[in-house]
Amino acid sequence: MRTDEQGPRTRSGLVIHARVQAQPGLALAIAQTALTCPVSGLMAFDAALHAERVTAAEVAAVAKSLAGLPGFAHLTPVLRLGDARRESPLESRTALTYDGWNLPLDPQFMVPGTRFRADGRIVGTAVLVESDGEGKYDDPGAGFREKVREDDLRTHGWEVVRVTSDLLDRPAMLLARTRTALRLAERRRAA
């Protein structure tokens, strides 16, 4: 983006956009990131909200100054989904993917009847979503504790879908697993 008042310029794969009439800062950086990559935009937005470095209102105000720029439509889901409760970039990416399937997630969901908190719950269902990065199981015994936790959740009537970066790269497989969990949860509820 230009820092002076000259117009936009394009040359050999590089586009320098006209200056945006907005205060430079974190809110503008998040909104501009979302223009080209909504996943990165939401990751940055959630992290900044979580760290209390920006407010949703600040990013929304700055976003208005980007109207008409290529990628402006990407800002709509990013602004709607931004949530300070998300604790990792993988949770942000998962939220955007599920939103695209019209399966919104309630982040950091305290599971009723347990002492557990899930990374998310598909709103209106008994399906929990856990975003699992590789570092989650670095601690000796972590895998065992997670299996016991998941068994406990199932005994309380919940289904669990585990989401990894690899699965997000294979959305058809993740969606199939999610649909299976939704069917199992519905059958359990009907029984």
C-alpha atoms as a PDB file:
ATOM      1  CA  MET A   1       0.000   0.000   0.000  1.00  0.00           C
ATOM      2  CA  ARG A   2       1.257   3.453  -0.826  1.00  0.00           C
ATOM      3  CA  THR A   3       2.186   5.754   2.017  1.00  0.00           C
ATOM      4  CA  ASP A   4       1.791   8.859  -0.134  1.00  0.00           C
ATOM      5  CA  GLU A   5      -1.199  10.219  -2.029  1.00  0.00           C
ATOM      6  CA  GLN A   6      -0.200   8.869  -5.452  1.00  0.00           C
ATOM      7  CA  GLY A   7      -2.440   6.344  -7.166  1.00  0.00           C
ATOM      8  CA  PRO A   8      -2.063   2.593  -7.445  1.00  0.00           C
ATOM      9  CA  ARG A   9       0.651   1.063  -9.595  1.00  0.00           C
ATOM     10  CA  THR A  10       1.144  -2.370 -11.148  1.00  0.00           C
ATOM     11  CA  ARG A  11       4.281  -3.902 -12.625  1.00  0.00           C
ATOM     12  CA  SER A  12       5.469  -7.463 -13.274  1.00  0.00           C
ATOM     13  CA  GLY A  13       3.304  -9.226 -10.705  1.00  0.00           C
ATOM     14  CA  LEU A  14       3.492  -6.483  -8.083  1.00  0.00           C
ATOM     15  CA  VAL A  15       0.534  -4.316  -7.146  1.00  0.00           C
ATOM     16  CA  ILE A  16       0.991  -1.224  -5.011  1.00  0.00           C
ATOM     17  CA  HIS A  17      -2.449  -0.176  -3.850  1.00  0.00           C
ATOM     18  CA  ALA A  18      -3.509   3.407  -3.296  1.00  0.00           C
ATOM     19  CA  ARG A  19      -3.206   4.676   0.247  1.00  0.00           C
ATOM     20  CA  VAL A  20      -6.095   3.718   2.492  1.00  0.00           C
ATOM     21  CA  GLN A  21      -7.571   6.466   4.598  1.00  0.00           C
ATOM     22  CA  ALA A  22      -7.163   4.613   7.872  1.00  0.00           C
ATOM     23  CA  GLN A  23      -4.848   4.877  10.828  1.00  0.00           C
ATOM     24  CA  PRO A  24      -1.875   2.545  10.307  1.00  0.00           C
ATOM     25  CA  GLY A  25      -1.595  -0.095  12.986  1.00  0.00           C
ATOM     26  CA  LEU A  26      -2.556  -3.606  13.989  1.00  0.00           C
ATOM     27  CA  ALA A  27      -6.233  -3.287  13.018  1.00  0.00           C
ATOM     28  CA  LEU A  28      -5.296  -2.207   9.489  1.00  0.00           C
ATOM     29  CA  ALA A  29      -2.680  -4.969   9.188  1.00  0.00           C
ATOM     30  CA  ILE A  30      -5.261  -7.601  10.187  1.00  0.00           C
ATOM     31  CA  ALA A  31      -7.855  -6.282   7.741  1.00  0.00           C
ATOM     32  CA  GLN A  32      -5.335  -6.086   4.896  1.00  0.00           C
ATOM     33  CA  THR A  33      -4.142  -9.611   5.617  1.00  0.00           C
ATOM     34  CA  ALA A  34      -7.722 -10.868   5.375  1.00  0.00           C
ATOM     35  CA  LEU A  35      -8.046  -9.310   1.910  1.00  0.00           C
ATOM     36  CA  THR A  36      -5.603 -11.807   0.439  1.00  0.00           C
ATOM     37  CA  CYS A  37      -5.963 -14.718   2.864  1.00  0.00           C
ATOM     38  CA  PRO A  38      -9.007 -15.041   5.127  1.00  0.00           C
ATOM     39  CA  VAL A  39      -7.370 -17.907   7.053  1.00  0.00           C
ATOM     40  CA  SER A  40      -4.331 -15.792   7.954  1.00  0.00           C
ATOM     41  CA  GLY A  41      -6.581 -12.813   8.592  1.00  0.00           C
ATOM     42  CA  LEU A  42      -8.729 -14.746  11.076  1.00  0.00           C
ATOM     43  CA  MET A  43      -5.666 -16.256  12.760  1.00  0.00           C
ATOM     44  CA  ALA A  44      -4.202 -12.779  13.264  1.00  0.00           C
ATOM     45  CA  PHE A  45      -7.557 -11.325  14.357  1.00  0.00           C
ATOM     46  CA  ASP A  46      -8.221 -14.054  16.935  1.00  0.00           C
ATOM     47  CA  ALA A  47      -4.675 -13.825  18.330  1.00  0.00           C
ATOM     48  CA  ALA A  48      -4.874 -10.030  18.626  1.00  0.00           C
ATOM     49  CA  LEU A  49      -8.294 -10.230  20.300  1.00  0.00           C
ATOM     50  CA  HIS A  50      -7.041 -12.949  22.669  1.00  0.00           C
ATOM     51  CA  ALA A  51      -4.024 -10.806  23.622  1.00  0.00           C
ATOM     52  CA  GLU A  52      -6.301  -7.740  23.981  1.00  0.00           C
ATOM     53  CA  ARG A  53      -4.180  -5.829  21.445  1.00  0.00           C
ATOM     54  CA  VAL A  54      -7.151  -4.822  19.289  1.00  0.00           C
ATOM     55  CA  THR A  55     -10.938  -4.728  19.482  1.00  0.00           C
ATOM     56  CA  ALA A  56     -13.428  -6.090  16.990  1.00  0.00           C
ATOM     57  CA  ALA A  57     -14.802  -2.565  16.578  1.00  0.00           C
ATOM     58  CA  GLU A  58     -11.361  -1.224  15.608  1.00  0.00           C
ATOM     59  CA  VAL A  59     -10.891  -3.855  12.905  1.00  0.00           C
ATOM     60  CA  ALA A  60     -14.459  -3.374  11.628  1.00  0.00           C
ATOM     61  CA  ALA A  61     -13.946   0.403  11.397  1.00  0.00           C
ATOM     62  CA  VAL A  62     -10.703   0.019   9.475  1.00  0.00           C
ATOM     63  CA  ALA A  63     -12.254  -2.618   7.205  1.00  0.00           C
ATOM     64  CA  LYS A  64     -14.709  -0.026   5.900  1.00  0.00           C
ATOM     65  CA  SER A  65     -11.801   1.936   4.452  1.00  0.00           C
ATOM     66  CA  LEU A  66     -10.858  -1.089   2.337  1.00  0.00           C
ATOM     67  CA  ALA A  67     -14.205  -1.255   0.517  1.00  0.00           C
ATOM     68  CA  GLY A  68     -13.735  -1.787  -3.189  1.00  0.00           C
ATOM     69  CA  LEU A  69     -10.322  -3.424  -2.913  1.00  0.00           C
ATOM     70  CA  PRO A  70      -9.818  -6.923  -4.321  1.00  0.00           C
ATOM     71  CA  GLY A  71     -10.614  -9.522  -1.663  1.00  0.00           C
ATOM     72  CA  PHE A  72     -12.933  -7.233   0.305  1.00  0.00           C
ATOM     73  CA  ALA A  73     -15.539 -10.036   0.498  1.00  0.00           C
ATOM     74  CA  HIS A  74     -13.066 -12.084   2.579  1.00  0.00           C
ATOM     75  CA  LEU A  75     -13.462  -9.579   5.391  1.00  0.00           C
ATOM     76  CA  THR A  76     -17.099 -10.503   6.020  1.00  0.00           C
ATOM     77  CA  PRO A  77     -16.496 -13.966   7.543  1.00  0.00           C
ATOM     78  CA  VAL A  78     -13.310 -12.818   9.269  1.00  0.00           C
ATOM     79  CA  LEU A  79     -15.105  -9.947  11.019  1.00  0.00           C
ATOM     80  CA  ARG A  80     -18.070 -12.185  11.920  1.00  0.00           C
ATOM     81  CA  LEU A  81     -15.927 -15.036  13.269  1.00  0.00           C
ATOM     82  CA  GLY A  82     -13.221 -13.139  15.168  1.00  0.00           C
ATOM     83  CA  ASP A  83     -13.227 -14.399  18.760  1.00  0.00           C
ATOM     84  CA  ALA A  84     -10.861 -13.798  21.667  1.00  0.00           C
ATOM     85  CA  ARG A  85     -11.613 -17.221  23.123  1.00  0.00           C
ATOM     86  CA  ARG A  86      -9.683 -19.109  20.432  1.00  0.00           C
ATOM     87  CA  GLU A  87      -6.288 -20.169  21.708  1.00  0.00           C
ATOM     88  CA  SER A  88      -4.416 -21.248  18.578  1.00  0.00           C
ATOM     89  CA  PRO A  89      -4.123 -20.589  14.857  1.00  0.00           C
ATOM     90  CA  LEU A  90      -5.398 -24.120  14.237  1.00  0.00           C
ATOM     91  CA  GLU A  91      -8.614 -23.300  16.115  1.00  0.00           C
ATOM     92  CA  SER A  92      -9.070 -20.212  13.911  1.00  0.00           C
ATOM     93  CA  ARG A  93      -8.518 -22.187  10.719  1.00  0.00           C
ATOM     94  CA  THR A  94     -10.927 -24.865  11.960  1.00  0.00           C
ATOM     95  CA  ALA A  95     -13.600 -22.247  12.718  1.00  0.00           C
ATOM     96  CA  LEU A  96     -13.357 -20.788   9.203  1.00  0.00           C
ATOM     97  CA  THR A  97     -13.584 -24.244   7.616  1.00  0.00           C
ATOM     98  CA  TYR A  98     -16.635 -25.273   9.641  1.00  0.00           C
ATOM     99  CA  ASP A  99     -18.279 -21.907   8.993  1.00  0.00           C
ATOM    100  CA  GLY A 100     -17.904 -22.573   5.268  1.00  0.00           C
ATOM    101  CA  TRP A 101     -19.915 -25.766   5.792  1.00  0.00           C
ATOM    102  CA  ASN A 102     -22.578 -23.825   7.700  1.00  0.00           C
ATOM    103  CA  LEU A 103     -21.565 -25.617  10.906  1.00  0.00           C
ATOM    104  CA  PRO A 104     -20.633 -22.747  13.233  1.00  0.00           C
ATOM    105  CA  LEU A 105     -18.515 -23.520  16.289  1.00  0.00           C
ATOM    106  CA  ASP A 106     -18.917 -22.286  19.838  1.00  0.00           C
ATOM    107  CA  PRO A 107     -15.260 -21.817  20.888  1.00  0.00           C
ATOM    108  CA  GLN A 108     -13.790 -23.031  24.187  1.00  0.00           C
ATOM    109  CA  PHE A 109     -16.980 -24.836  25.124  1.00  0.00           C
ATOM    110  CA  MET A 110     -17.333 -25.950  28.750  1.00  0.00           C
ATOM    111  CA  VAL A 111     -18.841 -29.425  28.474  1.00  0.00           C
ATOM    112  CA  PRO A 112     -21.873 -29.737  30.810  1.00  0.00           C
ATOM    113  CA  GLY A 113     -21.610 -32.477  33.403  1.00  0.00           C
ATOM    114  CA  THR A 114     -17.811 -32.630  33.146  1.00  0.00           C
ATOM    115  CA  ARG A 115     -14.767 -30.634  34.140  1.00  0.00           C
ATOM    116  CA  PHE A 116     -13.636 -30.531  30.503  1.00  0.00           C
ATOM    117  CA  ARG A 117     -13.457 -27.727  28.011  1.00  0.00           C
ATOM    118  CA  ALA A 118     -13.441 -28.507  24.287  1.00  0.00           C
ATOM    119  CA  ASP A 119     -11.833 -26.321  21.634  1.00  0.00           C
ATOM    120  CA  GLY A 120     -15.287 -26.012  20.113  1.00  0.00           C
ATOM    121  CA  ARG A 121     -18.763 -27.434  19.801  1.00  0.00           C
ATOM    122  CA  ILE A 122     -20.825 -27.492  16.651  1.00  0.00           C
ATOM    123  CA  VAL A 123     -23.619 -25.121  17.692  1.00  0.00           C
ATOM    124  CA  GLY A 124     -26.862 -26.890  18.559  1.00  0.00           C
ATOM    125  CA  THR A 125     -25.345 -30.387  18.553  1.00  0.00           C
ATOM    126  CA  ALA A 126     -23.613 -32.860  20.862  1.00  0.00           C
ATOM    127  CA  VAL A 127     -20.477 -32.836  18.700  1.00  0.00           C
ATOM    128  CA  LEU A 128     -17.248 -31.439  20.094  1.00  0.00           C
ATOM    129  CA  VAL A 129     -14.336 -30.361  17.909  1.00  0.00           C
ATOM    130  CA  GLU A 130     -10.765 -30.667  19.121  1.00  0.00           C
ATOM    131  CA  SER A 131      -8.026 -28.917  17.128  1.00  0.00           C
ATOM    132  CA  ASP A 132      -4.924 -31.015  17.660  1.00  0.00           C
ATOM    133  CA  GLY A 133      -1.508 -29.620  16.834  1.00  0.00           C
ATOM    134  CA  GLU A 134       1.557 -31.852  16.992  1.00  0.00           C
ATOM    135  CA  GLY A 135       2.832 -30.272  20.211  1.00  0.00           C
ATOM    136  CA  LYS A 136      -0.285 -31.306  22.140  1.00  0.00           C
ATOM    137  CA  TYR A 137       1.148 -34.749  22.863  1.00  0.00           C
ATOM    138  CA  ASP A 138       4.760 -33.827  23.653  1.00  0.00           C
ATOM    139  CA  ASP A 139       4.249 -34.379  27.382  1.00  0.00           C
ATOM    140  CA  PRO A 140       4.734 -38.053  28.368  1.00  0.00           C
ATOM    141  CA  GLY A 141       1.350 -39.570  29.088  1.00  0.00           C
ATOM    142  CA  ALA A 142      -0.569 -36.840  27.273  1.00  0.00           C
ATOM    143  CA  GLY A 143      -1.913 -39.253  24.672  1.00  0.00           C
ATOM    144  CA  PHE A 144      -3.193 -41.622  27.356  1.00  0.00           C
ATOM    145  CA  ARG A 145      -4.851 -38.801  29.317  1.00  0.00           C
ATOM    146  CA  GLU A 146      -6.515 -37.556  26.128  1.00  0.00           C
ATOM    147  CA  LYS A 147      -7.956 -41.018  25.394  1.00  0.00           C
ATOM    148  CA  VAL A 148      -9.379 -41.252  28.928  1.00  0.00           C
ATOM    149  CA  ARG A 149     -10.834 -37.741  28.576  1.00  0.00           C
ATOM    150  CA  GLU A 150     -12.452 -38.617  25.251  1.00  0.00           C
ATOM    151  CA  ASP A 151     -13.967 -41.807  26.711  1.00  0.00           C
ATOM    152  CA  ASP A 152     -15.378 -39.742  29.578  1.00  0.00           C
ATOM    153  CA  LEU A 153     -16.907 -37.250  27.127  1.00  0.00           C
ATOM    154  CA  ARG A 154     -18.554 -40.075  25.183  1.00  0.00           C
ATOM    155  CA  THR A 155     -20.062 -41.537  28.357  1.00  0.00           C
ATOM    156  CA  HIS A 156     -21.662 -38.118  28.897  1.00  0.00           C
ATOM    157  CA  GLY A 157     -23.279 -38.282  25.433  1.00  0.00           C
ATOM    158  CA  TRP A 158     -20.778 -36.321  23.337  1.00  0.00           C
ATOM    159  CA  GLU A 159     -19.110 -37.205  20.045  1.00  0.00           C
ATOM    160  CA  VAL A 160     -15.623 -35.858  19.334  1.00  0.00           C
ATOM    161  CA  VAL A 161     -14.085 -34.874  16.002  1.00  0.00           C
ATOM    162  CA  ARG A 162     -10.311 -34.411  16.028  1.00  0.00           C
ATOM    163  CA  VAL A 163      -9.047 -31.801  13.570  1.00  0.00           C
ATOM    164  CA  THR A 164      -5.427 -31.570  12.426  1.00  0.00           C
ATOM    165  CA  SER A 165      -3.708 -29.410   9.832  1.00  0.00           C
ATOM    166  CA  ASP A 166      -3.462 -32.487   7.636  1.00  0.00           C
ATOM    167  CA  LEU A 167      -7.231 -33.027   7.823  1.00  0.00           C
ATOM    168  CA  LEU A 168      -7.902 -29.371   7.060  1.00  0.00           C
ATOM    169  CA  ASP A 169      -5.851 -29.922   3.905  1.00  0.00           C
ATOM    170  CA  ARG A 170      -8.227 -32.816   3.077  1.00  0.00           C
ATOM    171  CA  PRO A 171     -11.597 -31.167   3.714  1.00  0.00           C
ATOM    172  CA  ALA A 172     -13.691 -33.936   2.123  1.00  0.00           C
ATOM    173  CA  MET A 173     -12.335 -36.437   4.650  1.00  0.00           C
ATOM    174  CA  LEU A 174     -12.854 -34.049   7.567  1.00  0.00           C
ATOM    175  CA  LEU A 175     -16.403 -33.274   6.460  1.00  0.00           C
ATOM    176  CA  ALA A 176     -17.161 -37.012   6.171  1.00  0.00           C
ATOM    177  CA  ARG A 177     -15.872 -37.602   9.720  1.00  0.00           C
ATOM    178  CA  THR A 178     -17.906 -34.651  10.964  1.00  0.00           C
ATOM    179  CA  ARG A 179     -21.088 -35.916   9.301  1.00  0.00           C
ATOM    180  CA  THR A 180     -20.526 -39.332  10.874  1.00  0.00           C
ATOM    181  CA  ALA A 181     -20.156 -37.729  14.320  1.00  0.00           C
ATOM    182  CA  LEU A 182     -23.318 -35.690  13.754  1.00  0.00           C
ATOM    183  CA  ARG A 183     -25.264 -38.843  12.796  1.00  0.00           C
ATOM    184  CA  LEU A 184     -23.949 -40.744  15.832  1.00  0.00           C
ATOM    185  CA  ALA A 185     -24.843 -37.864  18.148  1.00  0.00           C
ATOM    186  CA  GLU A 186     -28.333 -37.637  16.662  1.00  0.00           C
ATOM    187  CA  ARG A 187     -28.901 -41.406  17.031  1.00  0.00           C
ATOM    188  CA  ARG A 188     -27.717 -41.304  20.606  1.00  0.00           C
ATOM    189  CA  ARG A 189     -30.072 -38.422  21.371  1.00  0.00           C
ATOM    190  CA  ALA A 190     -33.005 -40.220  19.724  1.00  0.00           C
ATOM    191  CA  ALA A 191     -32.380 -43.466  21.646  1.00  0.00           C
END
